Amino acid sequence: MDEWMITRQMLQFIEESPTAFHAAANAEKLLREEGFVRLEKDSELRPGGRFYAMQNGSALIAVKLPEGQGKGVRIVASHSDSPCFKLKETPEIRVEGKYVKLNTEKYGGMILSTWLDRPLSVAGRIFVKEEDGSVACRLVDLKKDLLVIPNVAIHFNREINEGYKYNPQTDLAPLMGTDQELNLTELCAHELGVPAKSVLGSDLYVYNRDKGRIMGADDSLIGSPRLDDLQCAYSTLRGFLASRPKEYVAVYALFDNEEVGSGTKQGADSTFLEEMLEIVLEALGVSESTAEKRAFLQNSFLLSADNGHAVHPNHPEKSDPTNRPCLNGGVVLKYNGSQKYTTDGYSAAVVRDICRTWQIPLQTFANRSDIPGGSTLGNISTAHVSIPSADVGLAQLAMHSAFETAGVKDTAAMEALAEHIFC
């Protein structure tokens, strides 16, 4: 399959995944289509088995067991969440008897200005009381140009082009309409065909309605919301599904809440991965003795996949002098002396060997020494499970913007790396 087709399918996945809940559900759908079954308390796990588990509806871990005991575990991990606005409880704010806007708060490190003057909508999950008395979770996506965050006209803010500090409470409340009876819970309930009074709780987010697209005079660019990190989440899932592991347990991990520190029950700083690996060890008959378990894990490997920064065409001075990834340059191997990225000499050698063997393009990234960078989930995961690890990603521009830019060819490169890391 050509690079453009893979990218188009990835963009479709992103469009259908406006929130972390939808991304995990769509990943689950692809797994089930490939014969994976959900792990239950009475599941009988056998060599060669395929299973997965969900956490909070927004995180997922899938496993392929080898036919034998296996030498170790190979894990590829990414995250399902992206910076956006989260709806507060009772979000409707009525202004001047003429407008209805919504009360929101920031989720993650957003480029706030990019959310203004573009079509927005609401998606997430709601919990409803069923007729039998049970409480059910329903995913919801209003799929309408529902909201807009209007800028103040330049006539009222003459200095806006000189730099403006947006106040999240006063400047960034989305406008929903002028009908004073508008109610977000009622809109969600109507979309799902349930009574509004049956809604007991919700986790709702604002998302950008702009569709992802292939761009550039030479069709070499991607523009889309949520490329960080659904580009990696999708490409590594494809690689996981295509893999044919013989000697290692293959694990695909999709965590939530990376953008806010991972410190939740569905984040990389939870016990989710540890618990799943304990299940794997038991299924393979690996002894509970510390020595055998440690030997098994030390022969394992984690690939943390989260997008990285490309050299900016207007600000090349922001990049490191010698580690300068570009769009369409392939997989980015990420380094950081303070261990915000986990790549070291050994783990870099593992990744480079795979890329050279399978002719996968590879480039390197490090921050300028005077510009601190962000972190991701690799060092958090390996603090729970002590195994060798490397941090990789795909180069992009405008990270944490409402609409990000990346390269058409790179999605296929990450898919190839993910496929071959499991062999």
Protein backbone atom coordinates (compact mmCIF):
# COMPACT_ATOMS: atom_id res chain seq x y z
CA MET A 1 0.00 0.00 0.00
CA ASP A 2 1.44 3.39 -0.96
CA GLU A 3 2.35 6.14 1.52
CA TRP A 4 -0.48 8.40 0.41
CA MET A 5 -3.13 5.71 0.91
CA ILE A 6 -1.84 4.92 4.42
CA THR A 7 -1.92 8.62 5.24
CA ARG A 8 -5.48 9.01 3.95
CA GLN A 9 -6.60 6.11 6.13
CA MET A 10 -4.82 7.67 9.09
CA LEU A 11 -6.61 10.98 8.48
CA GLN A 12 -9.93 9.12 8.40
CA PHE A 13 -9.07 7.50 11.75
CA ILE A 14 -8.31 10.94 13.21
CA GLU A 15 -11.56 12.41 11.90
CA GLU A 16 -13.49 9.58 13.55
CA SER A 17 -11.56 10.07 16.82
CA PRO A 18 -12.46 13.53 18.16
CA THR A 19 -11.66 12.47 21.75
CA ALA A 20 -9.50 9.89 23.51
CA PHE A 21 -12.62 7.80 24.12
CA HIS A 22 -13.33 7.62 20.40
CA ALA A 23 -9.68 6.89 19.56
CA ALA A 24 -9.64 3.93 21.95
CA ALA A 25 -12.97 2.66 20.63
CA ASN A 26 -11.75 2.88 17.04
CA ALA A 27 -8.55 1.05 17.95
CA GLU A 28 -10.66 -1.62 19.65
CA LYS A 29 -12.76 -1.98 16.49
CA LEU A 30 -9.65 -2.59 14.37
CA LEU A 31 -8.39 -5.15 16.88
CA ARG A 32 -11.67 -7.05 16.93
CA GLU A 33 -11.72 -7.13 13.13
CA GLU A 34 -8.38 -8.96 13.37
CA GLY A 35 -9.68 -11.55 15.80
CA PHE A 36 -8.65 -10.03 19.14
CA VAL A 37 -10.94 -10.77 22.08
CA ARG A 38 -11.51 -8.69 25.18
CA LEU A 39 -9.85 -10.02 28.32
CA GLU A 40 -12.36 -11.27 30.89
CA LYS A 41 -11.82 -12.68 34.38
CA ASP A 42 -12.45 -16.21 33.13
CA SER A 43 -10.46 -15.87 29.89
CA GLU A 44 -8.28 -18.86 29.10
CA LEU A 45 -5.04 -17.53 27.65
CA ARG A 46 -3.17 -19.92 25.38
CA PRO A 47 0.02 -19.69 23.32
CA GLY A 48 -0.71 -17.84 20.10
CA GLY A 49 -3.67 -16.05 21.67
CA ARG A 50 -4.74 -12.47 20.92
CA PHE A 51 -6.47 -10.36 23.54
CA TYR A 52 -6.84 -6.80 24.79
CA ALA A 53 -8.04 -4.84 27.80
CA MET A 54 -9.56 -1.38 28.14
CA GLN A 55 -9.11 1.13 30.95
CA ASN A 56 -11.60 3.97 31.47
CA GLY A 57 -12.71 3.63 27.85
CA SER A 58 -9.77 5.82 26.81
CA ALA A 59 -6.74 3.54 27.24
CA LEU A 60 -6.10 0.14 25.71
CA ILE A 61 -3.46 -2.59 25.78
CA ALA A 62 -3.46 -5.41 23.21
CA VAL A 63 -1.31 -8.54 23.31
CA LYS A 64 -0.17 -11.19 20.84
CA LEU A 65 1.21 -14.26 22.59
CA PRO A 66 3.86 -16.35 20.81
CA GLU A 67 3.40 -20.09 20.35
CA GLY A 68 6.13 -20.85 22.89
CA GLN A 69 7.18 -19.18 26.12
CA GLY A 70 8.93 -16.34 24.33
CA LYS A 71 12.18 -14.55 25.05
CA GLY A 72 10.67 -11.33 26.31
CA VAL A 73 8.15 -8.59 25.56
CA ARG A 74 8.25 -5.97 22.82
CA ILE A 75 6.00 -2.99 23.55
CA VAL A 76 5.02 -0.03 21.40
CA ALA A 77 3.23 2.73 23.33
CA SER A 78 1.53 5.97 22.27
CA HIS A 79 -1.26 8.16 23.64
CA SER A 80 -4.88 8.84 22.75
CA ASP A 81 -5.36 12.38 24.05
CA SER A 82 -4.61 15.79 22.53
CA PRO A 83 -4.74 19.34 23.96
CA CYS A 84 -8.22 20.86 23.78
CA PHE A 85 -10.94 22.47 25.90
CA LYS A 86 -12.91 20.41 28.42
CA LEU A 87 -16.50 21.35 29.23
CA LYS A 88 -17.21 22.19 32.85
CA GLU A 89 -20.35 21.03 34.63
CA THR A 90 -23.46 23.14 33.88
CA PRO A 91 -21.50 24.84 31.10
CA GLU A 92 -24.13 27.20 29.69
CA ILE A 93 -23.49 30.90 30.29
CA ARG A 94 -26.20 33.28 29.09
CA VAL A 95 -25.00 36.74 28.10
CA GLU A 96 -27.09 39.89 27.66
CA GLY A 97 -30.17 37.73 27.14
CA LYS A 98 -28.89 37.32 23.57
CA TYR A 99 -26.10 34.74 23.53
CA VAL A 100 -25.37 31.31 24.99
CA LYS A 101 -21.70 30.42 25.46
CA LEU A 102 -20.03 27.48 27.19
CA ASN A 103 -17.84 27.42 30.28
CA THR A 104 -14.62 25.50 29.51
CA GLU A 105 -11.15 24.90 30.89
CA LYS A 106 -7.85 24.05 29.22
CA TYR A 107 -6.79 20.45 28.82
CA GLY A 108 -3.06 20.22 28.12
CA GLY A 109 -0.60 22.76 26.74
CA MET A 110 -2.55 24.42 23.93
CA ILE A 111 -1.62 27.12 21.43
CA LEU A 112 -4.70 29.06 22.43
CA SER A 113 -4.90 31.50 19.52
CA THR A 114 -5.31 28.66 17.00
CA TRP A 115 -8.71 27.74 18.43
CA LEU A 116 -10.32 31.07 17.59
CA ASP A 117 -12.51 31.77 14.55
CA ARG A 118 -12.80 28.18 13.35
CA PRO A 119 -15.70 25.65 13.41
CA LEU A 120 -15.80 23.61 16.62
CA SER A 121 -18.01 20.89 18.03
CA VAL A 122 -18.44 18.73 21.14
CA ALA A 123 -17.75 15.03 21.68
CA GLY A 124 -17.00 12.68 24.54
CA ARG A 125 -19.06 10.31 26.65
CA ILE A 126 -22.19 10.48 28.77
CA PHE A 127 -23.54 8.12 31.41
CA VAL A 128 -27.25 7.36 31.28
CA LYS A 129 -29.64 5.52 33.59
CA GLU A 130 -31.21 2.66 31.67
CA GLU A 131 -34.77 1.44 32.16
CA ASP A 132 -33.47 -1.65 34.00
CA GLY A 133 -31.73 0.57 36.55
CA SER A 134 -28.20 0.08 35.25
CA VAL A 135 -25.90 2.92 34.25
CA ALA A 136 -24.51 2.77 30.71
CA CYS A 137 -21.71 4.70 29.03
CA ARG A 138 -22.45 6.11 25.57
CA LEU A 139 -20.00 7.81 23.23
CA VAL A 140 -21.35 10.99 21.70
CA ASP A 141 -20.20 13.21 18.84
CA LEU A 142 -22.49 16.06 17.85
CA LYS A 143 -20.87 16.18 14.37
CA LYS A 144 -22.02 19.72 13.68
CA ASP A 145 -20.38 23.12 13.38
CA LEU A 146 -21.76 23.79 16.82
CA LEU A 147 -19.42 26.41 18.29
CA VAL A 148 -17.05 29.24 17.51
CA ILE A 149 -14.67 31.26 19.69
CA PRO A 150 -14.83 34.72 18.11
CA ASN A 151 -11.87 37.07 18.28
CA VAL A 152 -12.36 40.62 19.45
CA ALA A 153 -12.28 42.88 16.40
CA ILE A 154 -8.98 44.67 15.81
CA HIS A 155 -10.87 47.97 16.16
CA PHE A 156 -11.39 47.12 19.86
CA ASN A 157 -7.94 45.63 20.38
CA ARG A 158 -5.49 47.57 18.26
CA GLU A 159 -2.47 45.90 19.85
CA ILE A 160 -3.50 42.30 19.15
CA ASN A 161 -0.83 41.90 16.47
CA GLU A 162 1.78 43.11 18.92
CA GLY A 163 1.14 40.09 21.14
CA TYR A 164 -1.87 39.27 23.27
CA LYS A 165 -2.22 37.08 26.36
CA TYR A 166 -5.50 35.20 26.15
CA ASN A 167 -7.42 34.69 29.38
CA PRO A 168 -8.96 31.17 29.26
CA GLN A 169 -11.98 32.20 31.33
CA THR A 170 -12.91 35.43 29.57
CA ASP A 171 -11.47 35.22 26.04
CA LEU A 172 -11.98 31.58 25.10
CA ALA A 173 -15.55 30.62 25.95
CA PRO A 174 -17.13 29.12 22.79
CA LEU A 175 -20.30 30.74 21.47
CA MET A 176 -23.08 28.15 20.99
CA GLY A 177 -25.90 30.30 19.64
CA THR A 178 -28.56 32.88 20.45
CA ASP A 179 -31.50 30.68 21.50
CA GLN A 180 -31.69 31.14 25.27
CA GLU A 181 -33.13 27.65 25.70
CA LEU A 182 -30.02 25.91 24.35
CA ASN A 183 -28.76 23.19 26.68
CA LEU A 184 -25.76 20.99 25.94
CA THR A 185 -27.00 17.97 27.89
CA GLU A 186 -30.25 18.06 25.93
CA LEU A 187 -28.33 18.26 22.64
CA CYS A 188 -26.25 15.22 23.57
CA ALA A 189 -29.28 13.28 24.78
CA HIS A 190 -31.16 14.08 21.57
CA GLU A 191 -28.18 12.91 19.49
CA LEU A 192 -28.25 9.56 21.31
CA GLY A 193 -32.02 9.23 21.43
CA VAL A 194 -32.27 9.15 25.24
CA PRO A 195 -34.22 11.39 27.66
CA ALA A 196 -32.15 14.28 28.98
CA LYS A 197 -33.27 13.44 32.53
CA SER A 198 -31.57 10.03 32.21
CA VAL A 199 -28.12 11.63 31.86
CA LEU A 200 -26.20 11.24 35.14
CA GLY A 201 -22.70 12.37 34.17
CA SER A 202 -20.46 13.28 31.27
CA ASP A 203 -16.91 13.91 30.05
CA LEU A 204 -17.25 16.29 27.12
CA TYR A 205 -14.60 18.10 25.09
CA VAL A 206 -14.47 20.77 22.40
CA TYR A 207 -12.78 19.64 19.19
CA ASN A 208 -11.77 21.25 15.91
CA ARG A 209 -14.08 20.36 13.03
CA ASP A 210 -11.53 21.08 10.30
CA LYS A 211 -10.94 17.93 8.28
CA GLY A 212 -7.48 16.50 7.83
CA ARG A 213 -6.08 16.82 4.33
CA ILE A 214 -3.08 16.30 2.11
CA MET A 215 -1.57 19.67 1.21
CA GLY A 216 1.33 21.32 -0.58
CA ALA A 217 2.09 21.94 -4.25
CA ASP A 218 3.69 18.50 -4.38
CA ASP A 219 1.13 16.80 -2.08
CA SER A 220 3.91 16.23 0.48
CA LEU A 221 2.23 17.73 3.57
CA ILE A 222 -0.51 16.70 5.97
CA GLY A 223 -2.70 19.18 7.80
CA SER A 224 -4.97 17.86 10.55
CA PRO A 225 -6.10 18.25 14.12
CA ARG A 226 -4.70 15.80 16.71
CA LEU A 227 -1.66 14.59 14.74
CA ASP A 228 0.01 14.58 18.16
CA ASP A 229 -0.37 11.76 18.93
CA LEU A 230 -2.95 9.96 16.77
CA GLN A 231 -0.50 9.78 13.86
CA CYS A 232 1.71 7.53 16.00
CA ALA A 233 -1.22 5.76 17.66
CA TYR A 234 -2.64 4.74 14.28
CA SER A 235 0.62 3.88 12.52
CA THR A 236 1.92 1.77 15.41
CA LEU A 237 -1.41 -0.05 15.62
CA ARG A 238 -1.15 -0.89 11.92
CA GLY A 239 2.37 -2.14 12.46
CA PHE A 240 1.28 -4.22 15.46
CA LEU A 241 -1.56 -5.81 13.48
CA ALA A 242 0.74 -6.58 10.53
CA SER A 243 3.47 -8.10 12.71
CA ARG A 244 4.13 -11.82 12.95
CA PRO A 245 6.06 -12.20 16.20
CA LYS A 246 7.76 -15.55 16.70
CA GLU A 247 10.01 -15.17 19.72
CA TYR A 248 8.58 -12.19 21.60
CA VAL A 249 5.26 -11.21 23.14
CA ALA A 250 3.92 -8.28 21.10
CA VAL A 251 2.17 -5.52 23.09
CA TYR A 252 0.39 -2.44 21.76
CA ALA A 253 -0.30 0.18 24.44
CA LEU A 254 -2.48 3.27 24.02
CA PHE A 255 -2.50 5.47 27.12
CA ASP A 256 -4.62 8.51 27.97
CA ASN A 257 -3.78 11.77 29.76
CA GLU A 258 -0.20 12.11 28.50
CA GLU A 259 -0.90 15.78 27.83
CA VAL A 260 -1.59 16.40 31.53
CA GLY A 261 1.17 14.29 33.08
CA SER A 262 -0.09 10.67 32.76
CA GLY A 263 -0.90 10.48 36.47
CA THR A 264 -4.30 8.79 36.18
CA LYS A 265 -5.64 5.23 36.24
CA GLN A 266 -5.63 5.30 32.44
CA GLY A 267 -2.26 7.02 32.05
CA ALA A 268 1.26 5.70 31.63
CA ASP A 269 1.90 6.43 35.32
CA SER A 270 -0.76 3.91 36.36
CA THR A 271 -0.43 0.19 37.09
CA PHE A 272 -2.22 -0.73 33.84
CA LEU A 273 0.88 -1.90 31.96
CA GLU A 274 2.31 -3.70 34.99
CA GLU A 275 -0.95 -5.59 35.52
CA MET A 276 -1.14 -6.65 31.89
CA LEU A 277 2.45 -7.88 31.91
CA GLU A 278 1.72 -9.93 35.03
CA ILE A 279 -1.12 -11.59 33.11
CA VAL A 280 1.23 -12.24 30.19
CA LEU A 281 3.89 -13.78 32.44
CA GLU A 282 1.33 -16.06 34.02
CA ALA A 283 -0.05 -17.13 30.63
CA LEU A 284 3.45 -17.98 29.42
CA GLY A 285 4.33 -19.91 32.55
CA VAL A 286 7.18 -17.61 33.50
CA SER A 287 8.10 -18.35 37.10
CA GLU A 288 7.21 -15.82 39.76
CA SER A 289 10.78 -16.13 41.02
CA THR A 290 12.49 -12.77 40.83
CA ALA A 291 15.42 -14.08 38.79
CA GLU A 292 13.39 -15.62 35.95
CA LYS A 293 10.97 -12.72 35.79
CA ARG A 294 13.80 -10.20 35.78
CA ALA A 295 15.64 -12.07 33.03
CA PHE A 296 12.47 -12.11 30.92
CA LEU A 297 11.90 -8.36 31.34
CA GLN A 298 15.55 -7.46 30.79
CA ASN A 299 15.25 -9.18 27.41
CA SER A 300 12.29 -6.93 26.60
CA PHE A 301 12.02 -3.54 24.89
CA LEU A 302 9.70 -0.52 24.91
CA LEU A 303 9.27 1.85 21.98
CA SER A 304 7.60 5.07 23.12
CA ALA A 305 6.02 6.70 20.04
CA ASP A 306 5.05 10.36 20.30
CA ASN A 307 5.44 13.02 17.64
CA GLY A 308 8.46 15.33 17.68
CA HIS A 309 9.42 18.76 16.40
CA ALA A 310 10.52 19.35 12.82
CA VAL A 311 12.84 22.20 11.87
CA HIS A 312 10.55 25.19 11.39
CA PRO A 313 10.89 26.86 7.95
CA ASN A 314 10.46 30.34 9.45
CA HIS A 315 12.47 29.71 12.60
CA PRO A 316 15.27 27.21 11.90
CA GLU A 317 17.23 28.82 14.74
CA LYS A 318 14.89 27.12 17.23
CA SER A 319 16.35 23.70 16.38
CA ASP A 320 19.50 21.99 17.62
CA PRO A 321 22.57 22.58 15.39
CA THR A 322 23.09 18.92 14.48
CA ASN A 323 19.86 17.02 15.29
CA ARG A 324 17.34 18.62 12.95
CA PRO A 325 14.50 16.37 11.77
CA CYS A 326 12.37 17.46 8.83
CA LEU A 327 8.99 16.54 7.44
CA ASN A 328 9.12 13.39 5.27
CA GLY A 329 12.49 12.44 6.76
CA GLY A 330 11.15 9.28 8.41
CA VAL A 331 11.06 8.14 12.02
CA VAL A 332 12.58 10.54 14.58
CA LEU A 333 14.80 9.03 17.28
CA LYS A 334 14.63 11.39 20.27
CA TYR A 335 17.38 12.12 22.81
CA ASN A 336 17.49 14.11 26.04
CA GLY A 337 20.33 14.29 28.56
CA SER A 338 17.90 14.73 31.46
CA GLN A 339 16.08 11.53 30.45
CA LYS A 340 12.81 13.14 29.43
CA TYR A 341 13.37 10.82 26.49
CA THR A 342 14.64 7.32 27.30
CA THR A 343 16.87 6.71 24.27
CA ASP A 344 20.39 5.62 25.20
CA GLY A 345 23.25 4.01 23.28
CA TYR A 346 21.82 0.49 23.54
CA SER A 347 18.21 1.34 22.66
CA ALA A 348 19.35 3.57 19.78
CA ALA A 349 21.36 0.64 18.43
CA VAL A 350 18.26 -1.58 18.50
CA VAL A 351 16.20 0.99 16.57
CA ARG A 352 18.98 1.78 14.08
CA ASP A 353 19.59 -1.88 13.36
CA ILE A 354 15.92 -2.45 12.54
CA CYS A 355 15.75 0.67 10.38
CA ARG A 356 18.89 -0.23 8.44
CA THR A 357 17.80 -3.83 7.95
CA TRP A 358 14.38 -2.86 6.62
CA GLN A 359 15.46 0.41 4.93
CA ILE A 360 13.26 2.59 7.13
CA PRO A 361 14.33 6.26 7.03
CA LEU A 362 15.56 7.49 10.41
CA GLN A 363 16.59 10.90 11.76
CA THR A 364 17.48 12.24 15.18
CA PHE A 365 16.14 14.96 17.47
CA ALA A 366 17.50 16.81 20.47
CA ASN A 367 16.44 20.16 21.86
CA ARG A 368 18.77 23.12 21.77
CA SER A 369 20.70 23.12 25.02
CA ASP A 370 19.13 26.47 25.98
CA ILE A 371 15.52 25.49 25.16
CA PRO A 372 13.85 22.96 27.48
CA GLY A 373 11.62 20.45 25.73
CA GLY A 374 8.56 18.49 26.71
CA SER A 375 8.43 14.93 27.95
CA THR A 376 6.37 11.92 26.99
CA LEU A 377 5.38 8.52 28.32
CA GLY A 378 8.56 6.47 27.86
CA ASN A 379 10.34 7.46 31.07
CA ILE A 380 7.08 7.23 33.01
CA SER A 381 6.37 3.69 31.78
CA THR A 382 9.89 2.41 32.40
CA ALA A 383 9.77 3.74 35.96
CA HIS A 384 7.05 1.11 36.52
CA VAL A 385 8.52 -1.65 34.34
CA SER A 386 12.31 -1.62 34.23
CA ILE A 387 13.08 -2.50 30.61
CA PRO A 388 15.25 -0.91 27.89
CA SER A 389 13.42 1.83 25.99
CA ALA A 390 13.75 4.30 23.13
CA ASP A 391 11.65 7.35 22.35
CA VAL A 392 10.65 7.91 18.74
CA GLY A 393 8.10 9.99 16.89
CA LEU A 394 7.24 11.63 13.60
CA ALA A 395 8.30 15.17 12.71
CA GLN A 396 5.61 17.83 12.74
CA LEU A 397 5.13 21.58 12.87
CA ALA A 398 2.87 23.61 15.18
CA MET A 399 2.65 20.93 17.87
CA HIS A 400 -0.35 21.52 20.15
CA SER A 401 -2.03 23.79 17.62
CA ALA A 402 -5.69 23.15 16.80
CA PHE A 403 -4.42 22.26 13.29
CA GLU A 404 -0.97 20.69 12.95
CA THR A 405 1.30 19.96 9.98
CA ALA A 406 3.30 16.81 9.18
CA GLY A 407 4.73 14.86 6.23
CA VAL A 408 2.84 12.44 3.99
CA LYS A 409 5.60 9.82 3.82
CA ASP A 410 6.30 9.50 7.53
CA THR A 411 3.20 7.56 8.65
CA ALA A 412 4.34 4.55 6.62
CA ALA A 413 7.83 4.74 8.13
CA MET A 414 6.46 4.48 11.67
CA GLU A 415 4.19 1.62 10.66
CA ALA A 416 7.19 -0.26 9.29
CA LEU A 417 9.24 0.28 12.45
CA ALA A 418 6.37 -0.88 14.64
CA GLU A 419 5.87 -3.98 12.53
CA HIS A 420 9.51 -5.06 12.66
CA ILE A 421 10.20 -4.20 16.31
CA PHE A 422 8.07 -7.22 17.24
CA CYS A 423 10.04 -9.76 15.21
